[in-house]
Structure formats: structure tokens, C-alpha cells
Amino acid sequence: MLESLKAGQKVVCTITKEPRGDARDTVMRLMRFDPDHKRALKKAQEHRDATLIIRSRGGRPWAKRVKSSKIVIPNLGTTWNMTWFPHIAPDFKSVASCVEVKPA
């Protein structure tokens, strides 16, 4: 299935089984390619930068950074859209047991 996809083609990905361990991290990374998720992550990052607290620590400025929010959560049945590009095929092959990829 992955071999038939062309670069630049829109695909719909669905989680068919709950990913575990390293597969969970891979699926989260792949989910971040969704334009809506990218937009939300970028907006959250800009908000964290705008509200960054600088305080003195040891006589020098110290930035108190906030942890990033978890925008993408790989739950069973979650669906996302993305543009296909061939160099992520190995990632999709590694999580093929829990993610289904179809052309949009």
C-alpha cells in the first residue's frame, strides 16, 4: 500500500490498535505532520515564548521555561490527515500493525 502512494499526495491515517512503547513515540511524531496539529503546536510555542518568565538566579537572568503541552495523543480510533512524502515510509512500516494509511 505504501509503495503506491505518490509524493505530495494527501493521506488519511487512522490508529487501529493502541501503540505501545517506541511505537507510541513514532505515532506521535507522525501525527505532528497534520497541518492542524502543526498550527496548534506552533501557537502553543509562541504563547510559551510570550509568557516566558525571566528571573534572577545567581546574579544572572534565568528563564523559567514551561513544559510543552501534549497536543497529539495517540488513542485508538484517532484519525489525522497529512501530505505523504517517501522518506517517512520506514516510520509507517515500523508502526504498520497499529496505523492504517489510506489515500484521501
PDB file of N, CA and C in Angstrom:
ATOM      1  N   MET A   1       0.820  -1.195   0.000  1.00  0.00           N
ATOM      2  CA  MET A   1       0.000   0.000   0.000  1.00  0.00           C
ATOM      3  C   MET A   1       0.866   1.262   0.000  1.00  0.00           C
ATOM      4  N   LEU A   2       1.894   1.292   0.829  1.00  0.00           N
ATOM      5  CA  LEU A   2       2.727   2.486   0.929  1.00  0.00           C
ATOM      6  C   LEU A   2       3.484   2.757  -0.366  1.00  0.00           C
ATOM      7  N   GLU A   3       3.805   1.696  -1.118  1.00  0.00           N
ATOM      8  CA  GLU A   3       4.555   1.860  -2.358  1.00  0.00           C
ATOM      9  C   GLU A   3       3.725   2.550  -3.433  1.00  0.00           C
ATOM     10  N   SER A   4       2.404   2.434  -3.350  1.00  0.00           N
ATOM     11  CA  SER A   4       1.532   3.025  -4.370  1.00  0.00           C
ATOM     12  C   SER A   4       1.281   4.516  -4.137  1.00  0.00           C
ATOM     13  N   LEU A   5       1.662   5.037  -2.989  1.00  0.00           N
ATOM     14  CA  LEU A   5       1.442   6.456  -2.693  1.00  0.00           C
ATOM     15  C   LEU A   5       2.511   7.310  -3.367  1.00  0.00           C
ATOM     16  N   LYS A   6       2.098   8.461  -3.873  1.00  0.00           N
ATOM     17  CA  LYS A   6       2.995   9.389  -4.555  1.00  0.00           C
ATOM     18  C   LYS A   6       3.329  10.556  -3.628  1.00  0.00           C
ATOM     19  N   ALA A   7       4.499  11.132  -3.822  1.00  0.00           N
ATOM     20  CA  ALA A   7       4.914  12.283  -3.024  1.00  0.00           C
ATOM     21  C   ALA A   7       3.958  13.447  -3.241  1.00  0.00           C
ATOM     22  N   GLY A   8       3.547  14.097  -2.175  1.00  0.00           N
ATOM     23  CA  GLY A   8       2.628  15.221  -2.248  1.00  0.00           C
ATOM     24  C   GLY A   8       1.164  14.833  -2.181  1.00  0.00           C
ATOM     25  N   GLN A   9       0.887  13.530  -2.166  1.00  0.00           N
ATOM     26  CA  GLN A   9      -0.495  13.051  -2.110  1.00  0.00           C
ATOM     27  C   GLN A   9      -1.024  13.176  -0.682  1.00  0.00           C
ATOM     28  N   LYS A  10      -2.292  13.538  -0.544  1.00  0.00           N
ATOM     29  CA  LYS A  10      -2.925  13.625   0.776  1.00  0.00           C
ATOM     30  C   LYS A  10      -3.334  12.224   1.218  1.00  0.00           C
ATOM     31  N   VAL A  11      -3.057  11.896   2.478  1.00  0.00           N
ATOM     32  CA  VAL A  11      -3.424  10.596   3.029  1.00  0.00           C
ATOM     33  C   VAL A  11      -4.178  10.792   4.337  1.00  0.00           C
ATOM     34  N   VAL A  12      -4.987   9.796   4.679  1.00  0.00           N
ATOM     35  CA  VAL A  12      -5.717   9.767   5.940  1.00  0.00           C
ATOM     36  C   VAL A  12      -5.161   8.600   6.742  1.00  0.00           C
ATOM     37  N   CYS A  13      -4.708   8.870   7.942  1.00  0.00           N
ATOM     38  CA  CYS A  13      -4.124   7.844   8.805  1.00  0.00           C
ATOM     39  C   CYS A  13      -5.048   7.630  10.001  1.00  0.00           C
ATOM     40  N   THR A  14      -5.237   6.356  10.369  1.00  0.00           N
ATOM     41  CA  THR A  14      -6.108   6.003  11.484  1.00  0.00           C
ATOM     42  C   THR A  14      -5.386   5.021  12.387  1.00  0.00           C
ATOM     43  N   ILE A  15      -5.497   5.220  13.687  1.00  0.00           N
ATOM     44  CA  ILE A  15      -4.905   4.292  14.652  1.00  0.00           C
ATOM     45  C   ILE A  15      -5.892   3.155  14.859  1.00  0.00           C
ATOM     46  N   THR A  16      -5.465   1.936  14.509  1.00  0.00           N
ATOM     47  CA  THR A  16      -6.339   0.768  14.592  1.00  0.00           C
ATOM     48  C   THR A  16      -6.087  -0.055  15.848  1.00  0.00           C
ATOM     49  N   LYS A  17      -4.924   0.139  16.471  1.00  0.00           N
ATOM     50  CA  LYS A  17      -4.574  -0.587  17.686  1.00  0.00           C
ATOM     51  C   LYS A  17      -3.767   0.359  18.567  1.00  0.00           C
ATOM     52  N   GLU A  18      -3.949   0.256  19.864  1.00  0.00           N
ATOM     53  CA  GLU A  18      -3.251   1.140  20.799  1.00  0.00           C
ATOM     54  C   GLU A  18      -1.739   0.905  20.705  1.00  0.00           C
ATOM     55  N   PRO A  19      -0.945   1.921  20.298  1.00  0.00           N
ATOM     56  CA  PRO A  19       0.504   1.730  20.200  1.00  0.00           C
ATOM     57  C   PRO A  19       1.157   1.700  21.579  1.00  0.00           C
ATOM     58  N   ARG A  20       2.210   0.918  21.699  1.00  0.00           N
ATOM     59  CA  ARG A  20       2.942   0.769  22.963  1.00  0.00           C
ATOM     60  C   ARG A  20       4.419   1.101  22.768  1.00  0.00           C
ATOM     61  N   GLY A  21       5.051   1.587  23.807  1.00  0.00           N
ATOM     62  CA  GLY A  21       6.494   1.805  23.811  1.00  0.00           C
ATOM     63  C   GLY A  21       6.971   2.775  22.747  1.00  0.00           C
ATOM     64  N   ASP A  22       7.993   2.341  21.996  1.00  0.00           N
ATOM     65  CA  ASP A  22       8.572   3.193  20.963  1.00  0.00           C
ATOM     66  C   ASP A  22       7.582   3.482  19.843  1.00  0.00           C
ATOM     67  N   ALA A  23       6.657   2.557  19.595  1.00  0.00           N
ATOM     68  CA  ALA A  23       5.648   2.778  18.552  1.00  0.00           C
ATOM     69  C   ALA A  23       4.783   3.985  18.902  1.00  0.00           C
ATOM     70  N   ARG A  24       4.527   4.187  20.181  1.00  0.00           N
ATOM     71  CA  ARG A  24       3.725   5.342  20.618  1.00  0.00           C
ATOM     72  C   ARG A  24       4.438   6.648  20.258  1.00  0.00           C
ATOM     73  N   ASP A  25       5.738   6.704  20.504  1.00  0.00           N
ATOM     74  CA  ASP A  25       6.508   7.903  20.167  1.00  0.00           C
ATOM     75  C   ASP A  25       6.534   8.139  18.660  1.00  0.00           C
ATOM     76  N   THR A  26       6.673   7.063  17.887  1.00  0.00           N
ATOM     77  CA  THR A  26       6.694   7.183  16.428  1.00  0.00           C
ATOM     78  C   THR A  26       5.357   7.693  15.913  1.00  0.00           C
ATOM     79  N   VAL A  27       4.261   7.159  16.437  1.00  0.00           N
ATOM     80  CA  VAL A  27       2.932   7.597  16.004  1.00  0.00           C
ATOM     81  C   VAL A  27       2.713   9.062  16.382  1.00  0.00           C
ATOM     82  N   MET A  28       3.146   9.466  17.552  1.00  0.00           N
ATOM     83  CA  MET A  28       3.006  10.869  17.954  1.00  0.00           C
ATOM     84  C   MET A  28       3.788  11.778  17.009  1.00  0.00           C
ATOM     85  N   ARG A  29       4.978  11.350  16.621  1.00  0.00           N
ATOM     86  CA  ARG A  29       5.789  12.137  15.689  1.00  0.00           C
ATOM     87  C   ARG A  29       5.098  12.241  14.326  1.00  0.00           C
ATOM     88  N   LEU A  30       4.503  11.133  13.870  1.00  0.00           N
ATOM     89  CA  LEU A  30       3.799  11.148  12.586  1.00  0.00           C
ATOM     90  C   LEU A  30       2.539  12.008  12.654  1.00  0.00           C
ATOM     91  N   MET A  31       1.864  12.007  13.794  1.00  0.00           N
ATOM     92  CA  MET A  31       0.648  12.811  13.953  1.00  0.00           C
ATOM     93  C   MET A  31       0.957  14.307  13.887  1.00  0.00           C
ATOM     94  N   ARG A  32       2.172  14.684  14.234  1.00  0.00           N
ATOM     95  CA  ARG A  32       2.542  16.102  14.207  1.00  0.00           C
ATOM     96  C   ARG A  32       2.661  16.656  12.792  1.00  0.00           C
ATOM     97  N   PHE A  33       2.593  15.802  11.767  1.00  0.00           N
ATOM     98  CA  PHE A  33       2.614  16.268  10.378  1.00  0.00           C
ATOM     99  C   PHE A  33       1.254  16.799   9.929  1.00  0.00           C
ATOM    100  N   ASP A  34       0.208  16.572  10.709  1.00  0.00           N
ATOM    101  CA  ASP A  34      -1.117  17.095  10.380  1.00  0.00           C
ATOM    102  C   ASP A  34      -1.072  18.625  10.472  1.00  0.00           C
ATOM    103  N   PRO A  35      -1.537  19.336   9.435  1.00  0.00           N
ATOM    104  CA  PRO A  35      -1.474  20.806   9.468  1.00  0.00           C
ATOM    105  C   PRO A  35      -2.175  21.427  10.678  1.00  0.00           C
ATOM    106  N   ASP A  36      -3.298  20.850  11.113  1.00  0.00           N
ATOM    107  CA  ASP A  36      -3.999  21.389  12.284  1.00  0.00           C
ATOM    108  C   ASP A  36      -3.166  21.216  13.551  1.00  0.00           C
ATOM    109  N   HIS A  37      -2.525  20.058  13.686  1.00  0.00           N
ATOM    110  CA  HIS A  37      -1.674  19.820  14.851  1.00  0.00           C
ATOM    111  C   HIS A  37      -0.447  20.730  14.804  1.00  0.00           C
ATOM    112  N   LYS A  38       0.130  20.901  13.619  1.00  0.00           N
ATOM    113  CA  LYS A  38       1.282  21.799  13.474  1.00  0.00           C
ATOM    114  C   LYS A  38       0.922  23.207  13.926  1.00  0.00           C
ATOM    115  N   ARG A  39      -0.252  23.670  13.491  1.00  0.00           N
ATOM    116  CA  ARG A  39      -0.704  25.019  13.827  1.00  0.00           C
ATOM    117  C   ARG A  39      -0.877  25.168  15.343  1.00  0.00           C
ATOM    118  N   ALA A  40      -1.493  24.174  15.966  1.00  0.00           N
ATOM    119  CA  ALA A  40      -1.722  24.231  17.414  1.00  0.00           C
ATOM    120  C   ALA A  40      -0.402  24.195  18.181  1.00  0.00           C
ATOM    121  N   LEU A  41       0.540  23.360  17.739  1.00  0.00           N
ATOM    122  CA  LEU A  41       1.841  23.281  18.395  1.00  0.00           C
ATOM    123  C   LEU A  41       2.602  24.598  18.263  1.00  0.00           C
ATOM    124  N   LYS A  42       2.551  25.201  17.079  1.00  0.00           N
ATOM    125  CA  LYS A  42       3.243  26.467  16.844  1.00  0.00           C
ATOM    126  C   LYS A  42       2.636  27.585  17.693  1.00  0.00           C
ATOM    127  N   LYS A  43       1.314  27.611  17.772  1.00  0.00           N
ATOM    128  CA  LYS A  43       0.638  28.640  18.567  1.00  0.00           C
ATOM    129  C   LYS A  43       0.970  28.483  20.051  1.00  0.00           C
ATOM    130  N   ALA A  44       1.016  27.247  20.533  1.00  0.00           N
ATOM    131  CA  ALA A  44       1.360  26.999  21.933  1.00  0.00           C
ATOM    132  C   ALA A  44       2.803  27.413  22.215  1.00  0.00           C
ATOM    133  N   GLN A  45       3.701  27.151  21.260  1.00  0.00           N
ATOM    134  CA  GLN A  45       5.098  27.539  21.431  1.00  0.00           C
ATOM    135  C   GLN A  45       5.237  29.063  21.477  1.00  0.00           C
ATOM    136  N   GLU A  46       4.523  29.747  20.598  1.00  0.00           N
ATOM    137  CA  GLU A  46       4.566  31.212  20.602  1.00  0.00           C
ATOM    138  C   GLU A  46       4.017  31.767  21.916  1.00  0.00           C
ATOM    139  N   HIS A  47       2.963  31.145  22.456  1.00  0.00           N
ATOM    140  CA  HIS A  47       2.403  31.588  23.735  1.00  0.00           C
ATOM    141  C   HIS A  47       3.409  31.372  24.869  1.00  0.00           C
ATOM    142  N   ARG A  48       4.089  30.225  24.865  1.00  0.00           N
ATOM    143  CA  ARG A  48       5.100  29.969  25.903  1.00  0.00           C
ATOM    144  C   ARG A  48       6.227  30.993  25.829  1.00  0.00           C
ATOM    145  N   ASP A  49       6.651  31.350  24.599  1.00  0.00           N
ATOM    146  CA  ASP A  49       7.707  32.347  24.444  1.00  0.00           C
ATOM    147  C   ASP A  49       7.242  33.731  24.902  1.00  0.00           C
ATOM    148  N   ALA A  50       5.981  34.060  24.632  1.00  0.00           N
ATOM    149  CA  ALA A  50       5.461  35.378  25.002  1.00  0.00           C
ATOM    150  C   ALA A  50       5.292  35.520  26.505  1.00  0.00           C
ATOM    151  N   THR A  51       5.007  34.425  27.196  1.00  0.00           N
ATOM    152  CA  THR A  51       4.771  34.478  28.637  1.00  0.00           C
ATOM    153  C   THR A  51       5.956  33.924  29.431  1.00  0.00           C
ATOM    154  N   LEU A  52       7.123  33.904  28.813  1.00  0.00           N
ATOM    155  CA  LEU A  52       8.329  33.388  29.458  1.00  0.00           C
ATOM    156  C   LEU A  52       8.712  34.261  30.650  1.00  0.00           C
ATOM    157  N   ILE A  53       8.970  33.629  31.771  1.00  0.00           N
ATOM    158  CA  ILE A  53       9.318  34.345  32.995  1.00  0.00           C
ATOM    159  C   ILE A  53      10.838  34.352  33.134  1.00  0.00           C
ATOM    160  N   ILE A  54      11.412  35.549  33.201  1.00  0.00           N
ATOM    161  CA  ILE A  54      12.851  35.715  33.402  1.00  0.00           C
ATOM    162  C   ILE A  54      13.050  36.217  34.825  1.00  0.00           C
ATOM    163  N   ARG A  55      13.824  35.476  35.609  1.00  0.00           N
ATOM    164  CA  ARG A  55      14.093  35.910  36.974  1.00  0.00           C
ATOM    165  C   ARG A  55      15.587  35.812  37.232  1.00  0.00           C
ATOM    166  N   SER A  56      16.013  36.348  38.343  1.00  0.00           N
ATOM    167  CA  SER A  56      17.426  36.342  38.683  1.00  0.00           C
ATOM    168  C   SER A  56      17.765  35.069  39.449  1.00  0.00           C
ATOM    169  N   ARG A  57      18.831  34.437  39.026  1.00  0.00           N
ATOM    170  CA  ARG A  57      19.294  33.241  39.729  1.00  0.00           C
ATOM    171  C   ARG A  57      20.819  33.276  39.699  1.00  0.00           C
ATOM    172  N   GLY A  58      21.410  33.421  40.868  1.00  0.00           N
ATOM    173  CA  GLY A  58      22.862  33.521  40.947  1.00  0.00           C
ATOM    174  C   GLY A  58      23.392  34.808  40.344  1.00  0.00           C
ATOM    175  N   GLY A  59      22.575  35.859  40.365  1.00  0.00           N
ATOM    176  CA  GLY A  59      23.013  37.146  39.853  1.00  0.00           C
ATOM    177  C   GLY A  59      22.950  37.271  38.342  1.00  0.00           C
ATOM    178  N   ARG A  60      22.293  36.341  37.685  1.00  0.00           N
ATOM    179  CA  ARG A  60      22.177  36.431  36.226  1.00  0.00           C
ATOM    180  C   ARG A  60      20.758  36.066  35.814  1.00  0.00           C
ATOM    181  N   PRO A  61      20.343  36.479  34.636  1.00  0.00           N
ATOM    182  CA  PRO A  61      18.975  36.162  34.197  1.00  0.00           C
ATOM    183  C   PRO A  61      18.788  34.669  33.956  1.00  0.00           C
ATOM    184  N   TRP A  62      17.665  34.165  34.390  1.00  0.00           N
ATOM    185  CA  TRP A  62      17.347  32.740  34.252  1.00  0.00           C
ATOM    186  C   TRP A  62      15.927  32.619  33.713  1.00  0.00           C
ATOM    187  N   ALA A  63      15.786  31.909  32.622  1.00  0.00           N
ATOM    188  CA  ALA A  63      14.465  31.740  32.012  1.00  0.00           C
ATOM    189  C   ALA A  63      13.787  30.523  32.624  1.00  0.00           C
ATOM    190  N   LYS A  64      12.598  30.740  33.190  1.00  0.00           N
ATOM    191  CA  LYS A  64      11.823  29.635  33.755  1.00  0.00           C
ATOM    192  C   LYS A  64      10.906  29.121  32.654  1.00  0.00           C
ATOM    193  N   ARG A  65      11.328  28.051  31.997  1.00  0.00           N
ATOM    194  CA  ARG A  65      10.611  27.524  30.836  1.00  0.00           C
ATOM    195  C   ARG A  65       9.497  26.568  31.265  1.00  0.00           C
ATOM    196  N   VAL A  66       8.379  26.655  30.564  1.00  0.00           N
ATOM    197  CA  VAL A  66       7.223  25.802  30.819  1.00  0.00           C
ATOM    198  C   VAL A  66       7.301  24.606  29.883  1.00  0.00           C
ATOM    199  N   LYS A  67       6.943  23.423  30.383  1.00  0.00           N
ATOM    200  CA  LYS A  67       6.940  22.235  29.535  1.00  0.00           C
ATOM    201  C   LYS A  67       5.897  22.375  28.437  1.00  0.00           C
ATOM    202  N   SER A  68       6.197  21.803  27.288  1.00  0.00           N
ATOM    203  CA  SER A  68       5.260  21.900  26.165  1.00  0.00           C
ATOM    204  C   SER A  68       4.051  21.007  26.407  1.00  0.00           C
ATOM    205  N   SER A  69       2.923  21.439  25.852  1.00  0.00           N
ATOM    206  CA  SER A  69       1.689  20.679  26.025  1.00  0.00           C
ATOM    207  C   SER A  69       1.662  19.508  25.058  1.00  0.00           C
ATOM    208  N   LYS A  70       0.926  18.484  25.426  1.00  0.00           N
ATOM    209  CA  LYS A  70       0.782  17.300  24.586  1.00  0.00           C
ATOM    210  C   LYS A  70      -0.441  17.497  23.698  1.00  0.00           C
ATOM    211  N   ILE A  71      -0.226  18.038  22.518  1.00  0.00           N
ATOM    212  CA  ILE A  71      -1.317  18.314  21.585  1.00  0.00           C
ATOM    213  C   ILE A  71      -1.788  17.018  20.929  1.00  0.00           C
ATOM    214  N   VAL A  72      -0.840  16.173  20.551  1.00  0.00           N
ATOM    215  CA  VAL A  72      -1.191  14.921  19.866  1.00  0.00           C
ATOM    216  C   VAL A  72      -1.123  13.764  20.860  1.00  0.00           C
ATOM    217  N   ILE A  73      -2.215  13.016  20.952  1.00  0.00           N
ATOM    218  CA  ILE A  73      -2.282  11.860  21.844  1.00  0.00           C
ATOM    219  C   ILE A  73      -2.764  10.675  21.016  1.00  0.00           C
ATOM    220  N   PRO A  74      -1.951   9.636  20.880  1.00  0.00           N
ATOM    221  CA  PRO A  74      -2.321   8.500  20.023  1.00  0.00           C
ATOM    222  C   PRO A  74      -3.271   7.524  20.705  1.00  0.00           C
ATOM    223  N   ASN A  75      -4.559   7.805  20.632  1.00  0.00           N
ATOM    224  CA  ASN A  75      -5.580   6.908  21.174  1.00  0.00           C
ATOM    225  C   ASN A  75      -6.178   6.074  20.049  1.00  0.00           C
ATOM    226  N   LEU A  76      -6.790   4.973  20.418  1.00  0.00           N
ATOM    227  CA  LEU A  76      -7.440   4.095  19.453  1.00  0.00           C
ATOM    228  C   LEU A  76      -8.526   4.859  18.696  1.00  0.00           C
ATOM    229  N   GLY A  77      -8.501   4.768  17.368  1.00  0.00           N
ATOM    230  CA  GLY A  77      -9.507   5.413  16.540  1.00  0.00           C
ATOM    231  C   GLY A  77      -9.184   6.835  16.123  1.00  0.00           C
ATOM    232  N   THR A  78      -8.095   7.392  16.613  1.00  0.00           N
ATOM    233  CA  THR A  78      -7.721   8.753  16.239  1.00  0.00           C
ATOM    234  C   THR A  78      -7.336   8.797  14.760  1.00  0.00           C
ATOM    235  N   THR A  79      -7.816   9.822  14.068  1.00  0.00           N
ATOM    236  CA  THR A  79      -7.553   9.980  12.637  1.00  0.00           C
ATOM    237  C   THR A  79      -6.896  11.326  12.392  1.00  0.00           C
ATOM    238  N   TRP A  80      -5.948  11.363  11.462  1.00  0.00           N
ATOM    239  CA  TRP A  80      -5.342  12.624  11.066  1.00  0.00           C
ATOM    240  C   TRP A  80      -5.030  12.597   9.580  1.00  0.00           C
ATOM    241  N   ASN A  81      -4.959  13.783   8.983  1.00  0.00           N
ATOM    242  CA  ASN A  81      -4.649  13.954   7.563  1.00  0.00           C
ATOM    243  C   ASN A  81      -3.248  14.521   7.447  1.00  0.00           C
ATOM    244  N   MET A  82      -2.562  14.153   6.390  1.00  0.00           N
ATOM    245  CA  MET A  82      -1.227  14.689   6.161  1.00  0.00           C
ATOM    246  C   MET A  82      -0.850  14.532   4.706  1.00  0.00           C
ATOM    247  N   THR A  83       0.208  15.190   4.309  1.00  0.00           N
ATOM    248  CA  THR A  83       0.754  15.049   2.972  1.00  0.00           C
ATOM    249  C   THR A  83       1.805  13.953   3.015  1.00  0.00           C
ATOM    250  N   TRP A  84       1.738  13.027   2.058  1.00  0.00           N
ATOM    251  CA  TRP A  84       2.676  11.900   2.024  1.00  0.00           C
ATOM    252  C   TRP A  84       3.990  12.333   1.390  1.00  0.00           C
ATOM    253  N   PHE A  85       5.096  11.910   1.982  1.00  0.00           N
ATOM    254  CA  PHE A  85       6.401  12.049   1.358  1.00  0.00           C
ATOM    255  C   PHE A  85       7.184  10.778   1.655  1.00  0.00           C
ATOM    256  N   PRO A  86       7.936  10.282   0.662  1.00  0.00           N
ATOM    257  CA  PRO A  86       8.524   8.938   0.732  1.00  0.00           C
ATOM    258  C   PRO A  86       9.495   8.694   1.884  1.00  0.00           C
ATOM    259  N   HIS A  87      10.183   9.709   2.365  1.00  0.00           N
ATOM    260  CA  HIS A  87      11.193   9.438   3.385  1.00  0.00           C
ATOM    261  C   HIS A  87      10.609   9.133   4.767  1.00  0.00           C
ATOM    262  N   ILE A  88       9.286   9.166   4.934  1.00  0.00           N
ATOM    263  CA  ILE A  88       8.697   8.723   6.199  1.00  0.00           C
ATOM    264  C   ILE A  88       8.113   7.319   6.090  1.00  0.00           C
ATOM    265  N   ALA A  89       8.287   6.680   4.931  1.00  0.00           N
ATOM    266  CA  ALA A  89       7.772   5.320   4.740  1.00  0.00           C
ATOM    267  C   ALA A  89       8.332   4.339   5.771  1.00  0.00           C
ATOM    268  N   PRO A  90       9.636   4.380   6.120  1.00  0.00           N
ATOM    269  CA  PRO A  90      10.133   3.449   7.148  1.00  0.00           C
ATOM    270  C   PRO A  90       9.439   3.612   8.498  1.00  0.00           C
ATOM    271  N   ASP A  91       9.090   4.848   8.860  1.00  0.00           N
ATOM    272  CA  ASP A  91       8.364   5.072  10.112  1.00  0.00           C
ATOM    273  C   ASP A  91       6.988   4.427  10.056  1.00  0.00           C
ATOM    274  N   PHE A  92       6.304   4.577   8.924  1.00  0.00           N
ATOM    275  CA  PHE A  92       4.982   3.962   8.783  1.00  0.00           C
ATOM    276  C   PHE A  92       5.079   2.442   8.753  1.00  0.00           C
ATOM    277  N   LYS A  93       6.138   1.903   8.163  1.00  0.00           N
ATOM    278  CA  LYS A  93       6.307   0.445   8.142  1.00  0.00           C
ATOM    279  C   LYS A  93       6.543  -0.088   9.550  1.00  0.00           C
ATOM    280  N   SER A  94       7.238   0.682  10.381  1.00  0.00           N
ATOM    281  CA  SER A  94       7.517   0.219  11.741  1.00  0.00           C
ATOM    282  C   SER A  94       6.267   0.205  12.617  1.00  0.00           C
ATOM    283  N   VAL A  95       5.270   1.019  12.279  1.00  0.00           N
ATOM    284  CA  VAL A  95       4.032   1.054  13.062  1.00  0.00           C
ATOM    285  C   VAL A  95       2.842   0.544  12.252  1.00  0.00           C
ATOM    286  N   ALA A  96       3.110  -0.249  11.221  1.00  0.00           N
ATOM    287  CA  ALA A  96       2.049  -0.748  10.339  1.00  0.00           C
ATOM    288  C   ALA A  96       1.029  -1.593  11.086  1.00  0.00           C
ATOM    289  N   SER A  97       1.428  -2.218  12.191  1.00  0.00           N
ATOM    290  CA  SER A  97       0.498  -3.061  12.942  1.00  0.00           C
ATOM    291  C   SER A  97      -0.565  -2.244  13.677  1.00  0.00           C
ATOM    292  N   CYS A  98      -0.314  -0.958  13.897  1.00  0.00           N
ATOM    293  CA  CYS A  98      -1.278  -0.160  14.653  1.00  0.00           C
ATOM    294  C   CYS A  98      -1.797   1.068  13.911  1.00  0.00           C
ATOM    295  N   VAL A  99      -1.300   1.344  12.702  1.00  0.00           N
ATOM    296  CA  VAL A  99      -1.754   2.511  11.941  1.00  0.00           C
ATOM    297  C   VAL A  99      -2.150   2.084  10.532  1.00  0.00           C
ATOM    298  N   GLU A 100      -3.315   2.555  10.087  1.00  0.00           N
ATOM    299  CA  GLU A 100      -3.793   2.285   8.731  1.00  0.00           C
ATOM    300  C   GLU A 100      -3.675   3.570   7.916  1.00  0.00           C
ATOM    301  N   VAL A 101      -3.105   3.463   6.708  1.00  0.00           N
ATOM    302  CA  VAL A 101      -2.911   4.616   5.834  1.00  0.00           C
ATOM    303  C   VAL A 101      -3.735   4.409   4.571  1.00  0.00           C
ATOM    304  N   LYS A 102      -4.571   5.419   4.237  1.00  0.00           N
ATOM    305  CA  LYS A 102      -5.391   5.365   3.023  1.00  0.00           C
ATOM    306  C   LYS A 102      -5.257   6.686   2.281  1.00  0.00           C
ATOM    307  N   PRO A 103      -5.351   6.665   0.955  1.00  0.00           N
ATOM    308  CA  PRO A 103      -5.369   7.934   0.214  1.00  0.00           C
ATOM    309  C   PRO A 103      -6.624   8.731   0.566  1.00  0.00           C
ATOM    310  N   ALA A 104      -6.493  10.041   0.609  1.00  0.00           N
ATOM    311  CA  ALA A 104      -7.643  10.893   0.958  1.00  0.00           C
ATOM    312  C   ALA A 104      -8.597  11.044  -0.208  1.00  0.00           C
TER     313      ALA A 104
END
